[in-house]
Amino acid sequence: MISHGSAATRGSRAAAHQRQHVALRAPVRQASVRGRPRTLVVSYSTKAAELLARAHERYSSKDLMAAMKLYEDVVNEDGATTRQKQAALYGSTAVHASFGDIELAQITLREGLKYGLDFEQALADPDLPDLMTSPQMLIQLRRFNTTAQSAITSRAGARQQQIQAAALQRAARVAGGGLGLGSGLPLGGGSPLGDLGSILGTPSSSSTEIDTSLMGVLRRVLGLVVVLTLLGVGLFYLGLEYVLKVPEL
């Protein structure tokens, strides 16, 4: 088992928790409205702060099941801030790591990363509980954190590219709408846009109202077969009648 911090450090952390708890109750800022000073109370979730402090206490006393329940209550608290949810999810990760359950620890760590948790910084944060687990578990969690962070960064980059591509498409549609079909401007290989419009039809013309579904294609094929069959039968009878009317030589 490894633990980040000595007994003296944990004592200072407990004192820091008390100071933080008191500070969270009523942070005050001074503002001025039309020359008159006015006090603005910045509200935090006092209930979430109390639950978080109790969870840290339970974890420090190794009452892990109670700590896990309190951490879950903080995450589910409606008024909990992002910072409080980060701390609660890190605490849940620490609980699961203490049990040796790497899968559940990774799940809660991933949720914490979604809220912006910095795992490496959290390990050194004196306001957060010590991670009491094996060296192998810590290595796996650090490796998972690196992989998850890379995935989050990659996904954010891909999302940004999608947004930029969508913006370019909208700009192109606006520019294309201003030109209009049939303007005679070249498109791609030099074919006039007006010629393409006359061949393929504009969105408002009747030539685009063709059923391209499978049933629509089958109906058109069957109709063509019926027409060709009737035409063949008609030609056959015409030929037969002609043969019958021709006198024998």
C-alpha atoms as a PDB file:
ATOM      1  CA  MET A   1       0.000   0.000   0.000  1.00  0.00           C
ATOM      2  CA  ILE A   2       1.223   3.493  -0.771  1.00  0.00           C
ATOM      3  CA  SER A   3      -0.075   6.727   0.662  1.00  0.00           C
ATOM      4  CA  HIS A   4       0.677  10.222  -0.566  1.00  0.00           C
ATOM      5  CA  GLY A   5       1.560  12.227   2.548  1.00  0.00           C
ATOM      6  CA  SER A   6       2.729  11.801   6.168  1.00  0.00           C
ATOM      7  CA  ALA A   7       0.709  12.087   9.385  1.00  0.00           C
ATOM      8  CA  ALA A   8       1.774  15.713   9.789  1.00  0.00           C
ATOM      9  CA  THR A   9       0.762  16.416   6.222  1.00  0.00           C
ATOM     10  CA  ARG A  10      -2.619  14.781   6.775  1.00  0.00           C
ATOM     11  CA  GLY A  11      -3.073  16.951   9.883  1.00  0.00           C
ATOM     12  CA  SER A  12      -2.386  20.070   7.870  1.00  0.00           C
ATOM     13  CA  ARG A  13      -4.801  18.813   5.213  1.00  0.00           C
ATOM     14  CA  ALA A  14      -7.546  18.387   7.810  1.00  0.00           C
ATOM     15  CA  ALA A  15      -6.962  21.958   8.939  1.00  0.00           C
ATOM     16  CA  ALA A  16      -7.062  23.074   5.325  1.00  0.00           C
ATOM     17  CA  HIS A  17     -10.370  21.257   4.876  1.00  0.00           C
ATOM     18  CA  GLN A  18     -11.811  23.151   7.838  1.00  0.00           C
ATOM     19  CA  ARG A  19     -10.583  26.495   6.454  1.00  0.00           C
ATOM     20  CA  GLN A  20     -11.936  25.634   3.020  1.00  0.00           C
ATOM     21  CA  HIS A  21     -15.283  24.585   4.488  1.00  0.00           C
ATOM     22  CA  VAL A  22     -15.605  27.875   6.360  1.00  0.00           C
ATOM     23  CA  ALA A  23     -14.533  29.827   3.292  1.00  0.00           C
ATOM     24  CA  LEU A  24     -17.106  28.141   1.126  1.00  0.00           C
ATOM     25  CA  ARG A  25     -19.962  29.138   3.361  1.00  0.00           C
ATOM     26  CA  ALA A  26     -20.088  32.829   2.594  1.00  0.00           C
ATOM     27  CA  PRO A  27     -17.555  34.209   0.135  1.00  0.00           C
ATOM     28  CA  VAL A  28     -18.306  37.893  -0.270  1.00  0.00           C
ATOM     29  CA  ARG A  29     -17.429  40.390  -2.976  1.00  0.00           C
ATOM     30  CA  GLN A  30     -17.886  44.157  -2.893  1.00  0.00           C
ATOM     31  CA  ALA A  31     -19.578  45.843  -5.829  1.00  0.00           C
ATOM     32  CA  SER A  32     -20.811  49.311  -6.558  1.00  0.00           C
ATOM     33  CA  VAL A  33     -24.223  50.114  -8.045  1.00  0.00           C
ATOM     34  CA  ARG A  34     -24.556  53.729  -9.183  1.00  0.00           C
ATOM     35  CA  GLY A  35     -21.977  54.849  -6.681  1.00  0.00           C
ATOM     36  CA  ARG A  36     -23.490  52.929  -3.756  1.00  0.00           C
ATOM     37  CA  PRO A  37     -21.520  49.992  -2.360  1.00  0.00           C
ATOM     38  CA  ARG A  38     -23.377  46.710  -2.443  1.00  0.00           C
ATOM     39  CA  THR A  39     -22.458  43.302  -1.052  1.00  0.00           C
ATOM     40  CA  LEU A  40     -22.705  40.330  -3.418  1.00  0.00           C
ATOM     41  CA  VAL A  41     -22.718  36.878  -1.859  1.00  0.00           C
ATOM     42  CA  VAL A  42     -21.234  34.303  -4.213  1.00  0.00           C
ATOM     43  CA  SER A  43     -23.223  31.162  -3.488  1.00  0.00           C
ATOM     44  CA  TYR A  44     -21.660  27.718  -3.324  1.00  0.00           C
ATOM     45  CA  SER A  45     -23.428  24.493  -2.521  1.00  0.00           C
ATOM     46  CA  THR A  46     -23.089  24.378   1.245  1.00  0.00           C
ATOM     47  CA  LYS A  47     -24.688  20.936   1.328  1.00  0.00           C
ATOM     48  CA  ALA A  48     -22.236  19.580  -1.241  1.00  0.00           C
ATOM     49  CA  ALA A  49     -19.328  21.110   0.718  1.00  0.00           C
ATOM     50  CA  GLU A  50     -20.546  19.456   3.928  1.00  0.00           C
ATOM     51  CA  LEU A  51     -20.995  16.100   2.193  1.00  0.00           C
ATOM     52  CA  LEU A  52     -17.539  16.376   0.679  1.00  0.00           C
ATOM     53  CA  ALA A  53     -15.944  17.179   4.043  1.00  0.00           C
ATOM     54  CA  ARG A  54     -17.717  14.206   5.662  1.00  0.00           C
ATOM     55  CA  ALA A  55     -16.638  11.950   2.792  1.00  0.00           C
ATOM     56  CA  HIS A  56     -12.998  12.978   3.254  1.00  0.00           C
ATOM     57  CA  GLU A  57     -13.284  12.275   6.984  1.00  0.00           C
ATOM     58  CA  ARG A  58     -14.772   8.824   6.357  1.00  0.00           C
ATOM     59  CA  TYR A  59     -12.077   8.037   3.842  1.00  0.00           C
ATOM     60  CA  SER A  60      -9.309   9.137   6.250  1.00  0.00           C
ATOM     61  CA  SER A  61     -10.789   6.885   8.945  1.00  0.00           C
ATOM     62  CA  LYS A  62     -10.916   4.028   6.371  1.00  0.00           C
ATOM     63  CA  ASP A  63     -14.702   3.804   6.442  1.00  0.00           C
ATOM     64  CA  LEU A  64     -14.598   3.327   2.697  1.00  0.00           C
ATOM     65  CA  MET A  65     -18.190   2.272   2.073  1.00  0.00           C
ATOM     66  CA  ALA A  66     -19.568   5.326   3.862  1.00  0.00           C
ATOM     67  CA  ALA A  67     -17.076   7.546   2.037  1.00  0.00           C
ATOM     68  CA  MET A  68     -18.102   6.131  -1.325  1.00  0.00           C
ATOM     69  CA  LYS A  69     -21.783   6.782  -0.598  1.00  0.00           C
ATOM     70  CA  LEU A  70     -21.044  10.382   0.423  1.00  0.00           C
ATOM     71  CA  TYR A  71     -18.943  10.984  -2.688  1.00  0.00           C
ATOM     72  CA  GLU A  72     -21.815   9.733  -4.830  1.00  0.00           C
ATOM     73  CA  ASP A  73     -24.170  12.090  -2.994  1.00  0.00           C
ATOM     74  CA  VAL A  74     -21.901  15.026  -3.845  1.00  0.00           C
ATOM     75  CA  VAL A  75     -21.901  14.119  -7.551  1.00  0.00           C
ATOM     76  CA  ASN A  76     -25.694  13.814  -7.553  1.00  0.00           C
ATOM     77  CA  GLU A  77     -26.191  17.071  -5.640  1.00  0.00           C
ATOM     78  CA  ASP A  78     -27.898  19.592  -7.929  1.00  0.00           C
ATOM     79  CA  GLY A  79     -26.036  22.618  -6.606  1.00  0.00           C
ATOM     80  CA  ALA A  80     -22.582  21.037  -6.545  1.00  0.00           C
ATOM     81  CA  THR A  81     -19.927  23.017  -8.387  1.00  0.00           C
ATOM     82  CA  THR A  82     -17.598  21.554 -10.990  1.00  0.00           C
ATOM     83  CA  ARG A  83     -14.723  21.687  -8.517  1.00  0.00           C
ATOM     84  CA  GLN A  84     -16.769  19.811  -5.925  1.00  0.00           C
ATOM     85  CA  LYS A  85     -17.723  17.125  -8.439  1.00  0.00           C
ATOM     86  CA  GLN A  86     -14.091  16.784  -9.483  1.00  0.00           C
ATOM     87  CA  ALA A  87     -13.088  16.245  -5.850  1.00  0.00           C
ATOM     88  CA  ALA A  88     -15.914  13.753  -5.296  1.00  0.00           C
ATOM     89  CA  LEU A  89     -15.055  11.712  -8.387  1.00  0.00           C
ATOM     90  CA  TYR A  90     -11.395  11.697  -7.428  1.00  0.00           C
ATOM     91  CA  GLY A  91     -12.438  10.521  -3.966  1.00  0.00           C
ATOM     92  CA  SER A  92     -14.539   7.733  -5.508  1.00  0.00           C
ATOM     93  CA  THR A  93     -11.525   6.741  -7.611  1.00  0.00           C
ATOM     94  CA  ALA A  94      -9.417   6.602  -4.449  1.00  0.00           C
ATOM     95  CA  VAL A  95     -12.020   4.386  -2.742  1.00  0.00           C
ATOM     96  CA  HIS A  96     -12.175   1.922  -5.631  1.00  0.00           C
ATOM     97  CA  ALA A  97      -8.385   1.910  -5.871  1.00  0.00           C
ATOM     98  CA  SER A  98      -8.193   1.108  -2.161  1.00  0.00           C
ATOM     99  CA  PHE A  99     -10.450  -1.888  -2.808  1.00  0.00           C
ATOM    100  CA  GLY A 100      -8.210  -2.901  -5.714  1.00  0.00           C
ATOM    101  CA  ASP A 101     -11.028  -2.554  -8.261  1.00  0.00           C
ATOM    102  CA  ILE A 102      -9.249  -1.093 -11.273  1.00  0.00           C
ATOM    103  CA  GLU A 103     -12.318  -1.124 -13.563  1.00  0.00           C
ATOM    104  CA  LEU A 104     -14.523   0.931 -11.227  1.00  0.00           C
ATOM    105  CA  ALA A 105     -11.592   3.228 -10.454  1.00  0.00           C
ATOM    106  CA  GLN A 106     -11.135   3.878 -14.168  1.00  0.00           C
ATOM    107  CA  ILE A 107     -14.860   4.552 -14.616  1.00  0.00           C
ATOM    108  CA  THR A 108     -14.953   7.225 -11.902  1.00  0.00           C
ATOM    109  CA  LEU A 109     -11.638   8.667 -13.085  1.00  0.00           C
ATOM    110  CA  ARG A 110     -13.014   8.963 -16.617  1.00  0.00           C
ATOM    111  CA  GLU A 111     -16.071  10.793 -15.270  1.00  0.00           C
ATOM    112  CA  GLY A 112     -13.770  13.114 -13.353  1.00  0.00           C
ATOM    113  CA  LEU A 113     -11.774  13.844 -16.498  1.00  0.00           C
ATOM    114  CA  LYS A 114     -15.005  14.826 -18.232  1.00  0.00           C
ATOM    115  CA  TYR A 115     -15.447  17.490 -15.550  1.00  0.00           C
ATOM    116  CA  GLY A 116     -11.881  18.709 -16.122  1.00  0.00           C
ATOM    117  CA  LEU A 117     -10.103  16.806 -13.345  1.00  0.00           C
ATOM    118  CA  ASP A 118      -6.291  16.853 -13.567  1.00  0.00           C
ATOM    119  CA  PHE A 119      -5.332  13.489 -12.090  1.00  0.00           C
ATOM    120  CA  GLU A 120      -1.630  14.241 -11.634  1.00  0.00           C
ATOM    121  CA  GLN A 121      -2.407  17.550  -9.963  1.00  0.00           C
ATOM    122  CA  ALA A 122      -5.040  15.867  -7.797  1.00  0.00           C
ATOM    123  CA  LEU A 123      -2.464  13.376  -6.517  1.00  0.00           C
ATOM    124  CA  ALA A 124      -0.407  16.273  -5.140  1.00  0.00           C
ATOM    125  CA  ASP A 125      -3.366  18.397  -3.982  1.00  0.00           C
ATOM    126  CA  PRO A 126      -3.334  18.687  -0.153  1.00  0.00           C
ATOM    127  CA  ASP A 127      -7.077  19.384  -0.145  1.00  0.00           C
ATOM    128  CA  LEU A 128      -7.850  15.965  -1.638  1.00  0.00           C
ATOM    129  CA  PRO A 129      -7.575  12.585   0.081  1.00  0.00           C
ATOM    130  CA  ASP A 130      -4.447  10.466  -0.141  1.00  0.00           C
ATOM    131  CA  LEU A 131      -4.536   7.679  -2.696  1.00  0.00           C
ATOM    132  CA  MET A 132      -3.947   4.563  -0.601  1.00  0.00           C
ATOM    133  CA  THR A 133      -3.347   1.717  -3.024  1.00  0.00           C
ATOM    134  CA  SER A 134      -0.661  -0.500  -4.489  1.00  0.00           C
ATOM    135  CA  PRO A 135       2.075   0.809  -6.808  1.00  0.00           C
ATOM    136  CA  GLN A 136       0.713  -1.365  -9.630  1.00  0.00           C
ATOM    137  CA  MET A 137      -2.743   0.178  -9.263  1.00  0.00           C
ATOM    138  CA  LEU A 138      -1.291   3.682  -9.344  1.00  0.00           C
ATOM    139  CA  ILE A 139       0.707   2.867 -12.492  1.00  0.00           C
ATOM    140  CA  GLN A 140      -2.414   1.554 -14.215  1.00  0.00           C
ATOM    141  CA  LEU A 141      -4.433   4.611 -13.237  1.00  0.00           C
ATOM    142  CA  ARG A 142      -1.721   6.947 -14.505  1.00  0.00           C
ATOM    143  CA  ARG A 143      -1.533   5.043 -17.784  1.00  0.00           C
ATOM    144  CA  PHE A 144      -5.320   5.163 -18.110  1.00  0.00           C
ATOM    145  CA  ASN A 145      -5.283   8.905 -17.359  1.00  0.00           C
ATOM    146  CA  THR A 146      -2.728   9.520 -20.123  1.00  0.00           C
ATOM    147  CA  THR A 147      -4.736   7.496 -22.636  1.00  0.00           C
ATOM    148  CA  ALA A 148      -8.030   9.145 -21.682  1.00  0.00           C
ATOM    149  CA  GLN A 149      -6.530  12.633 -21.841  1.00  0.00           C
ATOM    150  CA  SER A 150      -5.186  11.925 -25.333  1.00  0.00           C
ATOM    151  CA  ALA A 151      -8.611  10.667 -26.428  1.00  0.00           C
ATOM    152  CA  ILE A 152     -10.328  13.757 -25.005  1.00  0.00           C
ATOM    153  CA  THR A 153      -7.846  16.059 -26.748  1.00  0.00           C
ATOM    154  CA  SER A 154      -8.255  14.186 -30.036  1.00  0.00           C
ATOM    155  CA  ARG A 155     -12.045  14.281 -29.779  1.00  0.00           C
ATOM    156  CA  ALA A 156     -11.984  18.001 -29.046  1.00  0.00           C
ATOM    157  CA  GLY A 157      -9.771  18.578 -32.102  1.00  0.00           C
ATOM    158  CA  ALA A 158     -12.062  16.505 -34.310  1.00  0.00           C
ATOM    159  CA  ARG A 159     -15.072  18.414 -32.985  1.00  0.00           C
ATOM    160  CA  GLN A 160     -13.381  21.716 -33.784  1.00  0.00           C
ATOM    161  CA  GLN A 161     -12.657  20.514 -37.320  1.00  0.00           C
ATOM    162  CA  GLN A 162     -16.311  19.516 -37.744  1.00  0.00           C
ATOM    163  CA  ILE A 163     -17.422  22.960 -36.605  1.00  0.00           C
ATOM    164  CA  GLN A 164     -15.037  24.643 -39.043  1.00  0.00           C
ATOM    165  CA  ALA A 165     -16.136  22.362 -41.902  1.00  0.00           C
ATOM    166  CA  ALA A 166     -19.798  23.098 -41.146  1.00  0.00           C
ATOM    167  CA  ALA A 167     -19.059  26.831 -41.164  1.00  0.00           C
ATOM    168  CA  LEU A 168     -17.332  26.543 -44.538  1.00  0.00           C
ATOM    169  CA  GLN A 169     -20.285  24.566 -45.936  1.00  0.00           C
ATOM    170  CA  ARG A 170     -22.732  27.210 -44.738  1.00  0.00           C
ATOM    171  CA  ALA A 171     -20.599  29.935 -46.298  1.00  0.00           C
ATOM    172  CA  ALA A 172     -20.445  27.979 -49.558  1.00  0.00           C
ATOM    173  CA  ARG A 173     -24.235  27.505 -49.587  1.00  0.00           C
ATOM    174  CA  VAL A 174     -24.765  31.210 -49.003  1.00  0.00           C
ATOM    175  CA  ALA A 175     -22.348  32.078 -51.818  1.00  0.00           C
ATOM    176  CA  GLY A 176     -23.916  29.467 -54.138  1.00  0.00           C
ATOM    177  CA  GLY A 177     -27.419  30.718 -53.375  1.00  0.00           C
ATOM    178  CA  GLY A 178     -26.389  34.191 -54.431  1.00  0.00           C
ATOM    179  CA  LEU A 179     -25.196  32.896 -57.815  1.00  0.00           C
ATOM    180  CA  GLY A 180     -28.368  30.941 -58.623  1.00  0.00           C
ATOM    181  CA  LEU A 181     -28.853  28.090 -61.067  1.00  0.00           C
ATOM    182  CA  GLY A 182     -28.682  28.753 -64.772  1.00  0.00           C
ATOM    183  CA  SER A 183     -26.181  31.576 -64.379  1.00  0.00           C
ATOM    184  CA  GLY A 184     -23.874  29.897 -66.883  1.00  0.00           C
ATOM    185  CA  LEU A 185     -20.863  29.863 -64.522  1.00  0.00           C
ATOM    186  CA  PRO A 186     -18.504  26.888 -64.876  1.00  0.00           C
ATOM    187  CA  LEU A 187     -18.730  24.129 -62.239  1.00  0.00           C
ATOM    188  CA  GLY A 188     -15.772  21.808 -61.690  1.00  0.00           C
ATOM    189  CA  GLY A 189     -14.712  20.585 -65.137  1.00  0.00           C
ATOM    190  CA  GLY A 190     -16.159  23.578 -66.943  1.00  0.00           C
ATOM    191  CA  SER A 191     -19.757  22.453 -67.524  1.00  0.00           C
ATOM    192  CA  PRO A 192     -22.124  25.410 -67.337  1.00  0.00           C
ATOM    193  CA  LEU A 193     -24.259  25.362 -64.239  1.00  0.00           C
ATOM    194  CA  GLY A 194     -27.267  26.311 -66.330  1.00  0.00           C
ATOM    195  CA  ASP A 195     -26.832  23.219 -68.531  1.00  0.00           C
ATOM    196  CA  LEU A 196     -26.649  20.979 -65.496  1.00  0.00           C
ATOM    197  CA  GLY A 197     -29.748  22.624 -64.144  1.00  0.00           C
ATOM    198  CA  SER A 198     -31.663  21.960 -67.344  1.00  0.00           C
ATOM    199  CA  ILE A 199     -30.554  18.319 -67.452  1.00  0.00           C
ATOM    200  CA  LEU A 200     -30.910  17.358 -63.790  1.00  0.00           C
ATOM    201  CA  GLY A 201     -33.617  19.820 -62.894  1.00  0.00           C
ATOM    202  CA  THR A 202     -33.625  22.418 -60.207  1.00  0.00           C
ATOM    203  CA  PRO A 203     -34.865  21.620 -56.689  1.00  0.00           C
ATOM    204  CA  SER A 204     -38.220  23.208 -57.559  1.00  0.00           C
ATOM    205  CA  SER A 205     -38.707  21.410 -60.895  1.00  0.00           C
ATOM    206  CA  SER A 206     -40.764  18.288 -61.466  1.00  0.00           C
ATOM    207  CA  SER A 207     -37.778  16.311 -62.819  1.00  0.00           C
ATOM    208  CA  THR A 208     -36.383  15.943 -59.311  1.00  0.00           C
ATOM    209  CA  GLU A 209     -39.623  14.438 -57.996  1.00  0.00           C
ATOM    210  CA  ILE A 210     -38.596  10.864 -58.794  1.00  0.00           C
ATOM    211  CA  ASP A 211     -39.083   8.104 -56.264  1.00  0.00           C
ATOM    212  CA  THR A 212     -35.596   6.687 -55.735  1.00  0.00           C
ATOM    213  CA  SER A 213     -36.664   4.126 -53.155  1.00  0.00           C
ATOM    214  CA  LEU A 214     -36.461   0.387 -53.836  1.00  0.00           C
ATOM    215  CA  MET A 215     -40.227   0.090 -54.320  1.00  0.00           C
ATOM    216  CA  GLY A 216     -40.194   3.009 -56.717  1.00  0.00           C
ATOM    217  CA  VAL A 217     -37.477   1.398 -58.820  1.00  0.00           C
ATOM    218  CA  LEU A 218     -39.360  -1.940 -58.835  1.00  0.00           C
ATOM    219  CA  ARG A 219     -42.575  -0.240 -59.925  1.00  0.00           C
ATOM    220  CA  ARG A 220     -40.824   1.457 -62.816  1.00  0.00           C
ATOM    221  CA  VAL A 221     -39.131  -1.794 -63.899  1.00  0.00           C
ATOM    222  CA  LEU A 222     -42.408  -3.757 -63.735  1.00  0.00           C
ATOM    223  CA  GLY A 223     -44.160  -1.047 -65.728  1.00  0.00           C
ATOM    224  CA  LEU A 224     -41.469  -1.211 -68.378  1.00  0.00           C
ATOM    225  CA  VAL A 225     -41.778  -5.036 -68.525  1.00  0.00           C
ATOM    226  CA  VAL A 226     -45.555  -4.823 -68.920  1.00  0.00           C
ATOM    227  CA  VAL A 227     -45.268  -2.244 -71.715  1.00  0.00           C
ATOM    228  CA  LEU A 228     -42.673  -4.307 -73.555  1.00  0.00           C
ATOM    229  CA  THR A 229     -44.746  -7.478 -73.137  1.00  0.00           C
ATOM    230  CA  LEU A 230     -47.870  -5.854 -74.531  1.00  0.00           C
ATOM    231  CA  LEU A 231     -45.864  -4.395 -77.370  1.00  0.00           C
ATOM    232  CA  GLY A 232     -44.389  -7.812 -78.154  1.00  0.00           C
ATOM    233  CA  VAL A 233     -47.773  -9.511 -78.089  1.00  0.00           C
ATOM    234  CA  GLY A 234     -49.221  -6.835 -80.384  1.00  0.00           C
ATOM    235  CA  LEU A 235     -46.388  -7.192 -82.854  1.00  0.00           C
ATOM    236  CA  PHE A 236     -46.758 -10.972 -82.782  1.00  0.00           C
ATOM    237  CA  TYR A 237     -50.458 -10.839 -83.678  1.00  0.00           C
ATOM    238  CA  LEU A 238     -49.806  -8.271 -86.367  1.00  0.00           C
ATOM    239  CA  GLY A 239     -47.196 -10.528 -87.887  1.00  0.00           C
ATOM    240  CA  LEU A 240     -49.448 -13.560 -87.639  1.00  0.00           C
ATOM    241  CA  GLU A 241     -52.299 -11.719 -89.340  1.00  0.00           C
ATOM    242  CA  TYR A 242     -49.963 -10.624 -92.095  1.00  0.00           C
ATOM    243  CA  VAL A 243     -48.794 -14.191 -92.660  1.00  0.00           C
ATOM    244  CA  LEU A 244     -52.358 -15.491 -92.833  1.00  0.00           C
ATOM    245  CA  LYS A 245     -53.382 -12.842 -95.383  1.00  0.00           C
ATOM    246  CA  VAL A 246     -50.449 -13.489 -97.729  1.00  0.00           C
ATOM    247  CA  PRO A 247     -51.722 -15.754-100.592  1.00  0.00           C
ATOM    248  CA  GLU A 248     -49.876 -18.951-101.288  1.00  0.00           C
ATOM    249  CA  LEU A 249     -47.707 -18.925-104.445  1.00  0.00           C
END
